[in-house]
């Protein structure tokens, strides 16, 4: 699912795009969507009644990757061979089952996750990056018109998130925190 439309980019630019430019813009939107989802570690598209697999470890706890956590509802849990599991609990960050998982087995989780309405900042960041990418000439680092000066950069792709986009997206990116633990009575 694209985070912004070609029409939205066209409106921001203020002029009509040629058919070739529309194709290029759509490809940039797709590229930017992938980069944003990778940077944030989340799947923003709403997935309904779909499955994902996890490999069970020793113990009662099975951690769920962050990309599935936004608005996750778990409908069923089974081993990959189709044997349904009973007595599991979804705790907000993982699955708990007693007496434990079969270590090394693949666990299939069926549920729904992702955003039903995309946060506005995703569209804004995507549009800004696409317009920035369109304005760049690949390989050209500097160009001056007075006394004509052109400097070529190393072959690098303009398709990367800017620091401004990363700053706007930081709320949706996983971050490390510190947790202070104290014993009672101390």
N, C-alpha and C. Protein backbone atom coordinates (compact mmCIF):
# COMPACT_ATOMS: atom_id res chain seq x y z
N UNK A 1 0.85 -1.18 0.00
CA UNK A 1 0.00 0.00 0.00
C UNK A 1 0.89 1.24 0.00
N UNK A 2 0.68 2.10 -0.94
CA UNK A 2 1.44 3.34 -1.02
C UNK A 2 1.00 4.30 0.07
N UNK A 3 1.95 5.05 0.58
CA UNK A 3 1.66 5.99 1.66
C UNK A 3 1.14 7.32 1.14
N UNK A 4 1.24 7.54 -0.18
CA UNK A 4 0.74 8.76 -0.82
C UNK A 4 0.43 8.41 -2.28
N UNK A 5 -0.38 9.21 -2.94
CA UNK A 5 -0.75 8.93 -4.33
C UNK A 5 0.02 9.82 -5.30
N UNK A 6 0.04 9.42 -6.55
CA UNK A 6 0.67 10.22 -7.60
C UNK A 6 -0.06 11.56 -7.71
N UNK A 7 -1.37 11.54 -7.56
CA UNK A 7 -2.17 12.77 -7.64
C UNK A 7 -1.78 13.76 -6.53
N UNK A 8 -1.50 13.23 -5.34
CA UNK A 8 -1.09 14.11 -4.24
C UNK A 8 0.25 14.77 -4.54
N UNK A 9 1.16 14.03 -5.14
CA UNK A 9 2.45 14.61 -5.53
C UNK A 9 2.25 15.67 -6.59
N UNK A 10 1.39 15.38 -7.56
CA UNK A 10 1.11 16.32 -8.63
C UNK A 10 0.53 17.62 -8.08
N UNK A 11 -0.38 17.52 -7.11
CA UNK A 11 -0.97 18.72 -6.49
C UNK A 11 0.10 19.54 -5.78
N UNK A 12 1.00 18.86 -5.07
CA UNK A 12 2.05 19.58 -4.35
C UNK A 12 3.01 20.27 -5.32
N UNK A 13 3.28 19.63 -6.44
CA UNK A 13 4.17 20.23 -7.44
C UNK A 13 3.52 21.42 -8.12
N UNK A 14 2.21 21.34 -8.34
CA UNK A 14 1.48 22.44 -8.95
C UNK A 14 1.45 22.42 -10.46
N UNK A 15 1.84 21.31 -11.07
CA UNK A 15 1.75 21.18 -12.52
C UNK A 15 1.47 19.74 -12.89
N UNK A 16 0.90 19.52 -14.09
CA UNK A 16 0.59 18.15 -14.49
C UNK A 16 1.86 17.37 -14.84
N UNK A 17 1.84 16.09 -14.54
CA UNK A 17 2.96 15.22 -14.84
C UNK A 17 2.75 14.53 -16.18
N UNK A 18 3.82 14.30 -16.90
CA UNK A 18 3.74 13.52 -18.14
C UNK A 18 3.53 12.06 -17.76
N UNK A 19 3.08 11.23 -18.69
CA UNK A 19 2.93 9.80 -18.38
C UNK A 19 4.23 9.15 -17.90
N UNK A 20 5.36 9.55 -18.46
CA UNK A 20 6.65 9.01 -18.02
C UNK A 20 6.97 9.44 -16.59
N UNK A 21 6.65 10.71 -16.28
CA UNK A 21 6.87 11.21 -14.93
C UNK A 21 5.95 10.52 -13.92
N UNK A 22 4.72 10.23 -14.33
CA UNK A 22 3.80 9.53 -13.44
C UNK A 22 4.34 8.15 -13.07
N UNK A 23 4.90 7.45 -14.04
CA UNK A 23 5.49 6.13 -13.78
C UNK A 23 6.67 6.28 -12.82
N UNK A 24 7.50 7.27 -13.06
CA UNK A 24 8.67 7.51 -12.20
C UNK A 24 8.23 7.87 -10.78
N UNK A 25 7.22 8.72 -10.65
CA UNK A 25 6.71 9.11 -9.33
C UNK A 25 6.15 7.90 -8.60
N UNK A 26 5.39 7.05 -9.30
CA UNK A 26 4.84 5.86 -8.65
C UNK A 26 5.94 4.94 -8.16
N UNK A 27 7.00 4.78 -8.95
CA UNK A 27 8.13 3.96 -8.52
C UNK A 27 8.83 4.58 -7.31
N UNK A 28 8.98 5.90 -7.30
CA UNK A 28 9.57 6.57 -6.15
C UNK A 28 8.69 6.40 -4.91
N UNK A 29 7.38 6.47 -5.08
CA UNK A 29 6.46 6.28 -3.94
C UNK A 29 6.63 4.87 -3.38
N UNK A 30 6.68 3.88 -4.27
CA UNK A 30 6.87 2.49 -3.82
C UNK A 30 8.20 2.33 -3.10
N UNK A 31 9.27 2.91 -3.65
CA UNK A 31 10.60 2.84 -3.01
C UNK A 31 10.58 3.49 -1.63
N UNK A 32 9.96 4.67 -1.56
CA UNK A 32 9.93 5.41 -0.29
C UNK A 32 9.10 4.66 0.75
N UNK A 33 8.01 4.04 0.33
CA UNK A 33 7.18 3.25 1.24
C UNK A 33 7.99 2.12 1.86
N UNK A 34 8.76 1.43 1.03
CA UNK A 34 9.60 0.33 1.53
C UNK A 34 10.64 0.87 2.50
N UNK A 35 11.28 1.99 2.16
CA UNK A 35 12.30 2.55 3.05
C UNK A 35 11.72 3.00 4.39
N UNK A 36 10.54 3.59 4.35
CA UNK A 36 9.90 4.05 5.59
C UNK A 36 9.51 2.85 6.46
N UNK A 37 8.91 1.82 5.86
CA UNK A 37 8.54 0.64 6.64
C UNK A 37 9.77 -0.04 7.22
N UNK A 38 10.85 -0.08 6.46
CA UNK A 38 12.08 -0.67 6.95
C UNK A 38 12.69 0.18 8.06
N UNK A 39 12.70 1.49 7.89
CA UNK A 39 13.26 2.39 8.90
C UNK A 39 12.47 2.31 10.21
N UNK A 40 11.16 2.27 10.10
CA UNK A 40 10.31 2.24 11.29
C UNK A 40 10.16 0.83 11.87
N UNK A 41 10.43 -0.18 11.06
CA UNK A 41 10.28 -1.56 11.52
C UNK A 41 8.83 -1.94 11.74
N UNK A 42 7.93 -1.32 10.97
CA UNK A 42 6.50 -1.59 11.12
C UNK A 42 5.87 -1.79 9.75
N UNK A 43 4.83 -2.57 9.76
CA UNK A 43 4.03 -2.78 8.57
C UNK A 43 2.82 -1.87 8.72
N UNK A 44 2.75 -0.80 7.94
CA UNK A 44 1.67 0.17 8.10
C UNK A 44 0.39 -0.25 7.40
N UNK A 45 0.49 -1.17 6.46
CA UNK A 45 -0.70 -1.62 5.75
C UNK A 45 -1.55 -2.50 6.66
N UNK A 46 -2.85 -2.30 6.64
CA UNK A 46 -3.76 -3.12 7.45
C UNK A 46 -3.87 -4.50 6.83
N UNK A 47 -3.53 -5.50 7.61
CA UNK A 47 -3.63 -6.90 7.18
C UNK A 47 -4.74 -7.54 7.99
N UNK A 48 -5.66 -8.22 7.34
CA UNK A 48 -6.79 -8.83 8.01
C UNK A 48 -6.80 -10.33 7.73
N UNK A 49 -6.96 -11.11 8.80
CA UNK A 49 -7.04 -12.58 8.71
C UNK A 49 -5.89 -13.16 7.88
N UNK A 50 -4.68 -12.76 8.23
CA UNK A 50 -3.50 -13.27 7.56
C UNK A 50 -2.62 -14.00 8.57
N UNK A 51 -1.62 -14.70 8.07
CA UNK A 51 -0.76 -15.47 8.96
C UNK A 51 0.69 -15.03 8.84
N UNK A 52 1.43 -15.29 9.90
CA UNK A 52 2.88 -15.16 9.89
C UNK A 52 3.44 -16.27 10.76
N UNK A 53 4.67 -16.67 10.45
CA UNK A 53 5.29 -17.79 11.15
C UNK A 53 6.40 -17.31 12.08
N UNK A 54 6.51 -17.98 13.21
CA UNK A 54 7.57 -17.73 14.19
C UNK A 54 8.22 -19.07 14.54
N UNK A 55 9.49 -19.03 14.85
CA UNK A 55 10.17 -20.24 15.28
C UNK A 55 10.20 -20.26 16.80
N UNK A 56 9.66 -21.32 17.37
CA UNK A 56 9.56 -21.44 18.83
C UNK A 56 10.92 -21.74 19.43
N UNK A 57 11.14 -21.21 20.62
CA UNK A 57 12.35 -21.45 21.38
C UNK A 57 11.94 -22.21 22.64
N UNK A 58 12.91 -22.57 23.45
CA UNK A 58 12.62 -23.26 24.71
C UNK A 58 11.93 -22.27 25.65
N UNK A 59 10.91 -22.71 26.33
CA UNK A 59 10.24 -21.88 27.31
C UNK A 59 8.79 -21.65 26.97
N UNK A 60 8.15 -20.81 27.78
CA UNK A 60 6.72 -20.54 27.65
C UNK A 60 6.43 -19.28 26.83
N UNK A 61 7.43 -18.46 26.58
CA UNK A 61 7.26 -17.15 25.94
C UNK A 61 7.72 -17.20 24.49
N UNK A 62 6.94 -16.63 23.59
CA UNK A 62 7.30 -16.52 22.18
C UNK A 62 7.13 -15.06 21.77
N UNK A 63 8.24 -14.40 21.52
CA UNK A 63 8.23 -12.98 21.17
C UNK A 63 7.72 -12.78 19.75
N UNK A 64 6.94 -11.72 19.55
CA UNK A 64 6.42 -11.37 18.23
C UNK A 64 7.22 -10.18 17.71
N UNK A 65 7.73 -10.25 16.47
CA UNK A 65 8.48 -9.12 15.91
C UNK A 65 7.66 -7.84 15.88
N UNK A 66 8.34 -6.71 16.07
CA UNK A 66 7.69 -5.40 16.15
C UNK A 66 6.83 -5.06 14.93
N UNK A 67 7.22 -5.54 13.77
CA UNK A 67 6.49 -5.14 12.56
C UNK A 67 5.03 -5.61 12.60
N UNK A 68 4.72 -6.64 13.39
CA UNK A 68 3.35 -7.15 13.48
C UNK A 68 2.57 -6.55 14.66
N UNK A 69 3.22 -5.84 15.55
CA UNK A 69 2.59 -5.41 16.79
C UNK A 69 1.55 -4.28 16.67
N UNK A 70 1.68 -3.32 15.74
CA UNK A 70 0.66 -2.27 15.74
C UNK A 70 -0.74 -2.81 15.51
N UNK A 71 -1.58 -2.63 16.51
CA UNK A 71 -3.00 -3.02 16.47
C UNK A 71 -3.20 -4.51 16.16
N UNK A 72 -2.32 -5.34 16.70
CA UNK A 72 -2.40 -6.78 16.47
C UNK A 72 -3.51 -7.41 17.29
N UNK A 73 -4.33 -8.20 16.61
CA UNK A 73 -5.29 -9.08 17.28
C UNK A 73 -5.00 -10.49 16.78
N UNK A 74 -4.84 -11.41 17.71
CA UNK A 74 -4.51 -12.79 17.38
C UNK A 74 -5.78 -13.62 17.44
N UNK A 75 -6.09 -14.29 16.33
CA UNK A 75 -7.30 -15.12 16.26
C UNK A 75 -7.01 -16.58 16.60
N UNK A 76 -5.89 -17.09 16.11
CA UNK A 76 -5.57 -18.49 16.38
C UNK A 76 -4.06 -18.70 16.29
N UNK A 77 -3.62 -19.77 16.96
CA UNK A 77 -2.21 -20.14 16.97
C UNK A 77 -2.14 -21.64 16.75
N UNK A 78 -1.25 -22.06 15.85
CA UNK A 78 -1.10 -23.49 15.59
C UNK A 78 0.35 -23.77 15.21
N UNK A 79 0.71 -25.04 15.26
CA UNK A 79 2.01 -25.42 14.72
C UNK A 79 1.86 -25.45 13.20
N UNK A 80 2.97 -25.33 12.50
CA UNK A 80 2.95 -25.25 11.03
C UNK A 80 2.31 -26.48 10.39
N UNK A 81 2.33 -27.60 11.10
CA UNK A 81 1.71 -28.81 10.54
C UNK A 81 0.19 -28.80 10.67
N UNK A 82 -0.37 -27.69 11.19
CA UNK A 82 -1.82 -27.54 11.28
C UNK A 82 -2.42 -27.92 12.61
N UNK A 83 -1.62 -28.41 13.56
CA UNK A 83 -2.14 -28.79 14.87
C UNK A 83 -2.42 -27.51 15.67
N UNK A 84 -3.72 -27.25 15.96
CA UNK A 84 -4.05 -26.03 16.70
C UNK A 84 -3.55 -26.11 18.15
N UNK A 85 -3.20 -24.96 18.67
CA UNK A 85 -2.73 -24.87 20.06
C UNK A 85 -3.83 -24.26 20.91
N UNK A 86 -4.02 -24.81 22.08
CA UNK A 86 -5.01 -24.31 23.03
C UNK A 86 -4.27 -23.74 24.23
N UNK A 87 -4.89 -22.83 24.92
CA UNK A 87 -4.34 -22.30 26.16
C UNK A 87 -3.30 -21.21 25.97
N UNK A 88 -3.13 -20.68 24.78
CA UNK A 88 -2.17 -19.60 24.55
C UNK A 88 -2.79 -18.27 24.98
N UNK A 89 -1.95 -17.31 25.30
CA UNK A 89 -2.39 -15.96 25.65
C UNK A 89 -1.53 -14.96 24.91
N UNK A 90 -2.17 -13.97 24.31
CA UNK A 90 -1.43 -12.86 23.70
C UNK A 90 -1.29 -11.79 24.75
N UNK A 91 -0.05 -11.38 25.03
CA UNK A 91 0.20 -10.45 26.13
C UNK A 91 0.57 -9.04 25.69
N UNK A 92 0.48 -8.74 24.41
CA UNK A 92 0.80 -7.39 23.94
C UNK A 92 2.15 -7.32 23.23
N UNK A 93 3.07 -8.21 23.54
CA UNK A 93 4.37 -8.25 22.87
C UNK A 93 4.77 -9.66 22.46
N UNK A 94 3.96 -10.62 22.88
CA UNK A 94 4.29 -11.99 22.55
C UNK A 94 3.19 -12.94 22.97
N UNK A 95 3.47 -14.21 22.76
CA UNK A 95 2.51 -15.26 23.10
C UNK A 95 3.06 -16.08 24.26
N UNK A 96 2.17 -16.42 25.17
CA UNK A 96 2.53 -17.22 26.33
C UNK A 96 1.71 -18.50 26.28
N UNK A 97 2.36 -19.62 26.55
CA UNK A 97 1.65 -20.89 26.63
C UNK A 97 2.34 -21.76 27.68
N UNK A 98 1.54 -22.45 28.47
CA UNK A 98 2.10 -23.36 29.47
C UNK A 98 1.69 -24.77 29.10
N UNK A 99 2.56 -25.71 29.10
CA UNK A 99 3.89 -25.82 29.72
C UNK A 99 5.02 -25.29 28.85
N UNK A 100 4.76 -24.91 27.61
CA UNK A 100 5.82 -24.34 26.78
C UNK A 100 5.68 -24.74 25.34
N UNK A 101 6.49 -24.13 24.51
CA UNK A 101 6.50 -24.40 23.08
C UNK A 101 7.41 -25.58 22.79
N UNK A 102 7.17 -26.23 21.68
CA UNK A 102 8.09 -27.27 21.21
C UNK A 102 9.25 -26.54 20.54
N UNK A 103 10.40 -26.57 21.15
CA UNK A 103 11.56 -25.83 20.65
C UNK A 103 11.90 -26.23 19.23
N UNK A 104 12.15 -25.22 18.39
CA UNK A 104 12.53 -25.46 17.01
C UNK A 104 11.37 -25.64 16.06
N UNK A 105 10.16 -25.77 16.57
CA UNK A 105 8.99 -25.92 15.71
C UNK A 105 8.52 -24.55 15.22
N UNK A 106 7.89 -24.55 14.07
CA UNK A 106 7.35 -23.32 13.51
C UNK A 106 5.92 -23.15 14.00
N UNK A 107 5.64 -21.96 14.52
CA UNK A 107 4.32 -21.63 15.04
C UNK A 107 3.67 -20.65 14.06
N UNK A 108 2.46 -20.96 13.62
CA UNK A 108 1.72 -20.09 12.70
C UNK A 108 0.70 -19.29 13.49
N UNK A 109 0.77 -17.98 13.35
CA UNK A 109 -0.15 -17.07 14.04
C UNK A 109 -1.09 -16.48 13.00
N UNK A 110 -2.38 -16.56 13.26
CA UNK A 110 -3.39 -15.97 12.37
C UNK A 110 -4.02 -14.80 13.10
N UNK A 111 -4.09 -13.66 12.41
CA UNK A 111 -4.67 -12.49 13.04
C UNK A 111 -4.72 -11.31 12.09
N UNK A 112 -4.91 -10.13 12.68
CA UNK A 112 -4.97 -8.88 11.93
C UNK A 112 -4.04 -7.89 12.59
N UNK A 113 -3.39 -7.04 11.78
CA UNK A 113 -2.47 -6.05 12.33
C UNK A 113 -2.31 -4.91 11.33
N UNK A 114 -1.70 -3.85 11.78
CA UNK A 114 -1.45 -2.68 10.93
C UNK A 114 -2.46 -1.57 11.21
N UNK A 115 -2.22 -0.45 10.58
CA UNK A 115 -3.04 0.74 10.79
C UNK A 115 -4.24 0.74 9.86
N UNK A 116 -5.43 1.01 10.40
CA UNK A 116 -6.62 1.13 9.55
C UNK A 116 -6.63 2.50 8.88
N UNK A 117 -6.15 3.51 9.58
CA UNK A 117 -5.98 4.85 9.03
C UNK A 117 -4.52 5.23 9.19
N UNK A 118 -3.87 5.57 8.11
CA UNK A 118 -2.45 5.90 8.16
C UNK A 118 -2.22 7.23 8.87
N UNK A 119 -1.20 7.31 9.72
CA UNK A 119 -0.85 8.60 10.31
C UNK A 119 -0.45 9.59 9.21
N UNK A 120 -0.91 10.81 9.32
CA UNK A 120 -0.66 11.83 8.30
C UNK A 120 0.80 12.09 8.00
N UNK A 121 1.64 11.96 9.02
CA UNK A 121 3.06 12.24 8.82
C UNK A 121 3.70 11.30 7.81
N UNK A 122 3.15 10.10 7.64
CA UNK A 122 3.69 9.16 6.65
C UNK A 122 3.52 9.69 5.24
N UNK A 123 2.35 10.23 4.95
CA UNK A 123 2.10 10.81 3.62
C UNK A 123 2.93 12.04 3.37
N UNK A 124 3.06 12.88 4.40
CA UNK A 124 3.86 14.11 4.27
C UNK A 124 5.32 13.76 4.01
N UNK A 125 5.87 12.85 4.80
CA UNK A 125 7.27 12.46 4.65
C UNK A 125 7.51 11.81 3.29
N UNK A 126 6.59 10.96 2.86
CA UNK A 126 6.73 10.30 1.56
C UNK A 126 6.69 11.31 0.43
N UNK A 127 5.73 12.23 0.47
CA UNK A 127 5.62 13.24 -0.59
C UNK A 127 6.88 14.11 -0.64
N UNK A 128 7.36 14.53 0.51
CA UNK A 128 8.56 15.37 0.55
C UNK A 128 9.78 14.64 -0.02
N UNK A 129 9.91 13.35 0.32
CA UNK A 129 11.05 12.58 -0.19
C UNK A 129 10.95 12.37 -1.69
N UNK A 130 9.77 12.05 -2.19
CA UNK A 130 9.58 11.83 -3.63
C UNK A 130 9.91 13.11 -4.40
N UNK A 131 9.42 14.23 -3.93
CA UNK A 131 9.71 15.51 -4.61
C UNK A 131 11.21 15.81 -4.55
N UNK A 132 11.84 15.52 -3.43
CA UNK A 132 13.30 15.73 -3.30
C UNK A 132 14.04 14.83 -4.29
N UNK A 133 13.64 13.58 -4.38
CA UNK A 133 14.29 12.65 -5.29
C UNK A 133 14.12 13.08 -6.75
N UNK A 134 12.93 13.61 -7.08
CA UNK A 134 12.69 14.06 -8.45
C UNK A 134 13.58 15.25 -8.81
N UNK A 135 13.90 16.07 -7.83
CA UNK A 135 14.71 17.27 -8.08
C UNK A 135 16.20 16.97 -8.19
N UNK A 136 16.61 15.77 -7.80
CA UNK A 136 18.02 15.43 -7.83
C UNK A 136 18.41 14.80 -9.16
N UNK A 137 19.60 15.14 -9.58
CA UNK A 137 20.18 14.50 -10.76
C UNK A 137 21.16 13.47 -10.24
N UNK A 138 20.94 12.18 -10.52
CA UNK A 138 21.84 11.15 -9.99
C UNK A 138 23.29 11.40 -10.40
N UNK A 139 24.17 11.35 -9.42
CA UNK A 139 25.59 11.51 -9.67
C UNK A 139 26.07 12.95 -9.69
N UNK A 140 25.16 13.91 -9.69
CA UNK A 140 25.54 15.31 -9.73
C UNK A 140 25.51 15.87 -8.32
N UNK A 141 26.68 16.30 -7.84
CA UNK A 141 26.77 16.81 -6.48
C UNK A 141 26.66 18.32 -6.44
N UNK A 142 27.18 19.00 -7.46
CA UNK A 142 27.16 20.45 -7.43
C UNK A 142 27.05 20.97 -8.85
N UNK A 143 26.35 22.09 -9.00
CA UNK A 143 26.25 22.73 -10.31
C UNK A 143 26.12 24.22 -10.07
N UNK A 144 26.94 25.01 -10.73
CA UNK A 144 26.89 26.46 -10.57
C UNK A 144 26.74 27.07 -11.95
N UNK A 145 25.88 28.06 -12.11
CA UNK A 145 25.68 28.65 -13.43
C UNK A 145 26.65 29.79 -13.70
N UNK A 146 26.96 30.60 -12.71
CA UNK A 146 27.95 31.68 -12.91
C UNK A 146 29.34 31.08 -13.05
N UNK A 147 30.00 31.32 -14.17
CA UNK A 147 31.31 30.75 -14.49
C UNK A 147 31.26 29.23 -14.56
N UNK A 148 30.17 28.72 -14.84
CA UNK A 148 29.87 27.30 -15.05
C UNK A 148 30.81 26.33 -14.33
N UNK A 149 30.33 25.75 -13.27
CA UNK A 149 31.09 24.76 -12.51
C UNK A 149 30.20 23.54 -12.27
N UNK A 150 30.69 22.38 -12.59
CA UNK A 150 29.96 21.14 -12.39
C UNK A 150 30.88 20.17 -11.67
N UNK A 151 30.40 19.56 -10.62
CA UNK A 151 31.17 18.58 -9.87
C UNK A 151 30.34 17.32 -9.77
N UNK A 152 30.94 16.18 -10.09
CA UNK A 152 30.20 14.93 -10.07
C UNK A 152 30.53 14.15 -8.81
N UNK A 153 29.49 13.59 -8.23
CA UNK A 153 29.65 12.78 -7.02
C UNK A 153 29.91 11.34 -7.42
N UNK A 154 30.24 10.55 -6.42
CA UNK A 154 30.37 9.12 -6.67
C UNK A 154 29.00 8.57 -6.99
N UNK A 155 28.96 7.44 -7.61
CA UNK A 155 27.68 6.84 -8.02
C UNK A 155 26.89 6.42 -6.79
N UNK A 156 26.03 7.31 -6.32
CA UNK A 156 25.18 6.97 -5.19
C UNK A 156 23.74 7.26 -5.57
N UNK A 157 22.85 6.51 -5.01
CA UNK A 157 21.45 6.63 -5.32
C UNK A 157 20.82 7.73 -4.47
N UNK A 158 19.97 8.57 -5.07
CA UNK A 158 19.30 9.58 -4.28
C UNK A 158 18.18 8.97 -3.42
N UNK A 159 17.85 7.70 -3.63
CA UNK A 159 16.77 7.07 -2.91
C UNK A 159 17.22 6.63 -1.53
N UNK A 160 17.24 7.57 -0.63
CA UNK A 160 17.48 7.30 0.77
C UNK A 160 16.69 8.34 1.56
N UNK A 161 16.37 8.01 2.78
CA UNK A 161 15.59 8.94 3.59
C UNK A 161 16.48 10.05 4.10
N UNK A 162 16.01 11.27 4.01
CA UNK A 162 16.75 12.42 4.52
C UNK A 162 16.66 12.45 6.04
N UNK A 163 17.53 13.22 6.65
CA UNK A 163 17.49 13.37 8.11
C UNK A 163 16.18 14.02 8.55
N UNK A 164 15.65 14.91 7.72
CA UNK A 164 14.37 15.55 8.04
C UNK A 164 13.25 14.51 8.09
N UNK A 165 13.22 13.61 7.12
CA UNK A 165 12.19 12.55 7.10
C UNK A 165 12.36 11.64 8.30
N UNK A 166 13.60 11.28 8.61
CA UNK A 166 13.85 10.41 9.77
C UNK A 166 13.39 11.08 11.05
N UNK A 167 13.61 12.38 11.15
CA UNK A 167 13.16 13.13 12.33
C UNK A 167 11.63 13.09 12.44
N UNK A 168 10.95 13.25 11.31
CA UNK A 168 9.48 13.24 11.32
C UNK A 168 8.93 11.85 11.66
N UNK A 169 9.68 10.81 11.29
CA UNK A 169 9.20 9.43 11.49
C UNK A 169 9.63 8.82 12.82
N UNK A 170 10.42 9.53 13.60
CA UNK A 170 11.01 8.92 14.81
C UNK A 170 9.96 8.41 15.79
N UNK A 171 8.79 9.00 15.81
CA UNK A 171 7.73 8.54 16.71
C UNK A 171 7.27 7.12 16.39
N UNK A 172 7.41 6.73 15.13
CA UNK A 172 6.94 5.41 14.70
C UNK A 172 8.05 4.38 14.66
N UNK A 173 9.24 4.78 15.06
CA UNK A 173 10.38 3.88 15.07
C UNK A 173 10.60 3.34 16.48
N UNK A 174 10.96 2.09 16.56
CA UNK A 174 11.25 1.49 17.85
C UNK A 174 12.47 2.16 18.46
N UNK A 175 12.44 2.38 19.75
CA UNK A 175 13.58 3.00 20.41
C UNK A 175 13.92 2.22 21.67
N UNK A 176 15.15 2.36 22.07
CA UNK A 176 15.60 1.72 23.30
C UNK A 176 15.25 2.61 24.49
N UNK A 177 14.83 2.00 25.56
CA UNK A 177 14.52 2.75 26.77
C UNK A 177 15.20 2.10 27.96
N UNK A 178 15.23 2.83 29.04
CA UNK A 178 15.82 2.32 30.27
C UNK A 178 14.71 2.08 31.27
N UNK A 179 14.80 0.97 31.94
CA UNK A 179 13.82 0.61 32.96
C UNK A 179 14.56 0.46 34.28
N UNK A 180 14.15 1.21 35.28
CA UNK A 180 14.78 1.13 36.59
C UNK A 180 14.00 0.18 37.48
N UNK A 181 14.68 -0.80 38.02
CA UNK A 181 14.06 -1.77 38.92
C UNK A 181 14.59 -1.58 40.33
N UNK A 182 13.71 -1.65 41.30
CA UNK A 182 14.10 -1.53 42.71
C UNK A 182 13.41 -2.61 43.50
N UNK A 183 14.08 -3.07 44.49
CA UNK A 183 13.47 -4.04 45.41
C UNK A 183 12.57 -3.30 46.38
N UNK A 184 11.52 -3.98 46.81
CA UNK A 184 10.63 -3.37 47.78
C UNK A 184 11.37 -3.12 49.08
N UNK A 185 11.12 -1.98 49.67
CA UNK A 185 11.73 -1.67 50.96
C UNK A 185 13.09 -1.02 50.81
N UNK A 186 13.55 -0.76 49.63
CA UNK A 186 14.87 -0.14 49.47
C UNK A 186 14.76 1.20 48.82
